Amino acid sequence: MELSSNEIAQIVTMLEHADGEDLQDILNQLGMDSQMLRQLIMTMPLETVIAWSKERFELEKSLSVRMAK
């Protein structure tokens, strides 16, 4: 289903005040979360992707240390 530019503008207006968690929930419900993630990773500067990956690994390491205590 193709949306007109007017319909897209209406949706964007409705979502103007949505936060990241709301948008993530919408993507999950549409089954598009993996597709969006891949799209973002493939279009972002590689340095950003690497920095965010390192941040995620550090978070995982921090959480596993906390759980072990």
Protein backbone atom coordinates (compact mmCIF):
# COMPACT_ATOMS: atom_id res chain seq x y z
CA MET A 1 0.00 0.00 0.00
CA GLU A 2 1.48 3.30 -1.10
CA LEU A 3 0.73 6.38 0.97
CA SER A 4 0.29 9.80 -0.57
CA SER A 5 2.55 12.62 0.57
CA ASN A 6 -0.47 14.14 2.32
CA GLU A 7 -1.10 10.91 4.26
CA ILE A 8 2.56 10.71 5.22
CA ALA A 9 2.48 14.34 6.41
CA GLN A 10 -0.57 13.55 8.57
CA ILE A 11 1.18 10.55 10.14
CA VAL A 12 4.33 12.60 10.84
CA THR A 13 2.19 15.30 12.48
CA MET A 14 0.54 12.68 14.70
CA LEU A 15 3.95 11.28 15.70
CA GLU A 16 5.68 14.61 16.34
CA HIS A 17 5.54 14.15 20.10
CA ALA A 18 6.28 10.42 20.17
CA ASP A 19 9.48 9.42 21.93
CA GLY A 20 11.99 6.79 20.89
CA GLU A 21 10.28 4.03 22.85
CA ASP A 22 6.95 4.78 21.17
CA LEU A 23 8.54 4.67 17.74
CA GLN A 24 10.40 1.46 18.60
CA ASP A 25 7.12 -0.12 19.72
CA ILE A 26 5.46 0.89 16.45
CA LEU A 27 8.32 -0.63 14.44
CA ASN A 28 8.11 -3.82 16.52
CA GLN A 29 4.36 -4.07 15.94
CA LEU A 30 4.86 -3.57 12.21
CA GLY A 31 7.60 -6.20 12.18
CA MET A 32 10.05 -3.67 10.77
CA ASP A 33 12.49 -3.29 13.66
CA SER A 34 15.22 -5.44 12.11
CA GLN A 35 14.78 -3.83 8.72
CA MET A 36 15.08 -0.33 10.20
CA LEU A 37 18.12 -1.30 12.24
CA ARG A 38 19.86 -2.71 9.17
CA GLN A 39 18.95 0.34 7.12
CA LEU A 40 20.37 2.67 9.76
CA ILE A 41 23.55 0.64 10.20
CA MET A 42 24.16 0.49 6.45
CA THR A 43 23.74 4.24 6.00
CA MET A 44 25.49 5.60 9.10
CA PRO A 45 29.18 6.42 9.15
CA LEU A 46 31.12 3.28 10.08
CA GLU A 47 32.78 5.11 12.99
CA THR A 48 29.36 5.70 14.55
CA VAL A 49 28.34 2.06 14.14
CA ILE A 50 31.60 0.89 15.74
CA ALA A 51 31.28 3.38 18.63
CA TRP A 52 27.71 2.30 19.35
CA SER A 53 28.67 -1.37 19.16
CA LYS A 54 31.46 -0.79 21.68
CA GLU A 55 28.99 1.05 23.91
CA ARG A 56 26.59 -1.90 23.73
CA PHE A 57 29.34 -4.41 24.55
CA GLU A 58 30.38 -2.29 27.54
CA LEU A 59 26.77 -2.18 28.74
CA GLU A 60 26.46 -5.96 28.43
CA LYS A 61 29.74 -6.42 30.31
CA SER A 62 28.59 -4.03 33.04
CA LEU A 63 25.25 -5.80 33.40
CA SER A 64 26.85 -9.23 33.58
CA VAL A 65 29.24 -8.05 36.31
CA ARG A 66 26.30 -6.68 38.31
CA MET A 67 24.34 -9.92 37.91
CA ALA A 68 27.32 -11.95 39.12
CA LYS A 69 27.50 -10.06 42.42
